[in-house]
Amino acid sequence: MAMNELAVTYTFPSSHHALWAEDVAREMDIAVEMGSAPAESRSKCGLALRVGGDQVEELETAFRTEGIDFQRWSG
């Protein structure tokens, strides 16, 4: 998946939350890309999730509904 400049990166406090978030996104048919968290994010977890900017609000609502702890990272 090629992410454009409107992509948003999410970081998480644990790999459990990161993988859970990826599962939620895929269940919603939202294309995501799992990768390394940016070092500058100082995330407690080494994983980050990227999603296209047009689906951010829908995905963040789902994360909150599911109880997934996340941070939107902008570097």
Protein backbone atom coordinates (compact mmCIF):
# COMPACT_ATOMS: atom_id res chain seq x y z
CA MET A 1 0.00 0.00 0.00
CA ALA A 2 1.42 3.38 -0.94
CA MET A 3 0.55 6.03 1.62
CA ASN A 4 0.25 9.57 0.40
CA GLU A 5 1.29 12.73 2.23
CA LEU A 6 -2.08 12.78 4.00
CA ALA A 7 -1.31 9.55 5.86
CA VAL A 8 -1.54 9.60 9.64
CA THR A 9 0.73 7.60 11.94
CA TYR A 10 -0.52 6.11 15.20
CA THR A 11 1.64 4.93 18.06
CA PHE A 12 0.61 2.69 20.94
CA PRO A 13 1.67 1.91 24.52
CA SER A 14 2.05 -1.81 23.77
CA SER A 15 2.29 -4.25 20.90
CA HIS A 16 -1.05 -5.67 22.07
CA HIS A 17 -2.76 -2.34 21.33
CA ALA A 18 -0.95 -1.97 18.00
CA LEU A 19 -1.98 -5.43 16.77
CA TRP A 20 -5.51 -4.95 18.09
CA ALA A 21 -5.75 -1.65 16.19
CA GLU A 22 -4.55 -3.35 13.02
CA ASP A 23 -7.22 -6.04 13.42
CA VAL A 24 -9.95 -3.43 13.94
CA ALA A 25 -8.88 -1.52 10.84
CA ARG A 26 -8.81 -4.64 8.69
CA GLU A 27 -12.25 -5.71 9.95
CA MET A 28 -13.50 -2.30 8.78
CA ASP A 29 -11.82 -2.81 5.37
CA ILE A 30 -9.56 0.16 6.02
CA ALA A 31 -6.15 -0.19 4.40
CA VAL A 32 -3.39 0.20 6.97
CA GLU A 33 0.34 -0.31 7.05
CA MET A 34 2.11 -1.63 10.16
CA GLY A 35 5.71 -0.60 10.63
CA SER A 36 8.26 0.68 13.07
CA ALA A 37 7.33 3.60 15.29
CA PRO A 38 9.38 6.70 14.56
CA ALA A 39 12.20 7.01 17.10
CA GLU A 40 11.22 10.64 17.66
CA SER A 41 7.76 9.56 18.85
CA ARG A 42 9.28 8.07 22.02
CA SER A 43 6.56 5.45 21.87
CA LYS A 44 6.66 2.72 24.49
CA CYS A 45 5.90 0.25 21.71
CA GLY A 46 8.11 -0.17 18.66
CA LEU A 47 5.15 -0.55 16.30
CA ALA A 48 3.16 2.12 14.50
CA LEU A 49 0.15 2.03 12.20
CA ARG A 50 -0.30 4.28 9.16
CA VAL A 51 -3.62 5.02 7.51
CA GLY A 52 -4.77 7.30 4.70
CA GLY A 53 -5.99 10.68 5.88
CA ASP A 54 -9.50 10.24 4.50
CA GLN A 55 -10.28 7.43 6.96
CA VAL A 56 -8.76 8.87 10.12
CA GLU A 57 -11.92 9.99 11.90
CA GLU A 58 -13.74 6.72 11.24
CA LEU A 59 -10.78 4.69 12.50
CA GLU A 60 -10.19 6.83 15.60
CA THR A 61 -13.86 6.48 16.53
CA ALA A 62 -13.52 2.70 16.24
CA PHE A 63 -10.35 2.73 18.37
CA ARG A 64 -12.12 4.69 21.10
CA THR A 65 -15.19 2.44 20.94
CA GLU A 66 -12.99 -0.65 21.27
CA GLY A 67 -10.93 0.86 24.08
CA ILE A 68 -7.65 0.92 22.17
CA ASP A 69 -5.10 3.31 23.68
CA PHE A 70 -3.40 5.26 20.87
CA GLN A 71 -1.67 8.51 20.02
CA ARG A 72 -1.75 10.33 16.71
CA TRP A 73 1.88 11.13 15.93
CA SER A 74 2.92 14.05 13.79
CA GLY A 75 6.59 14.57 13.28
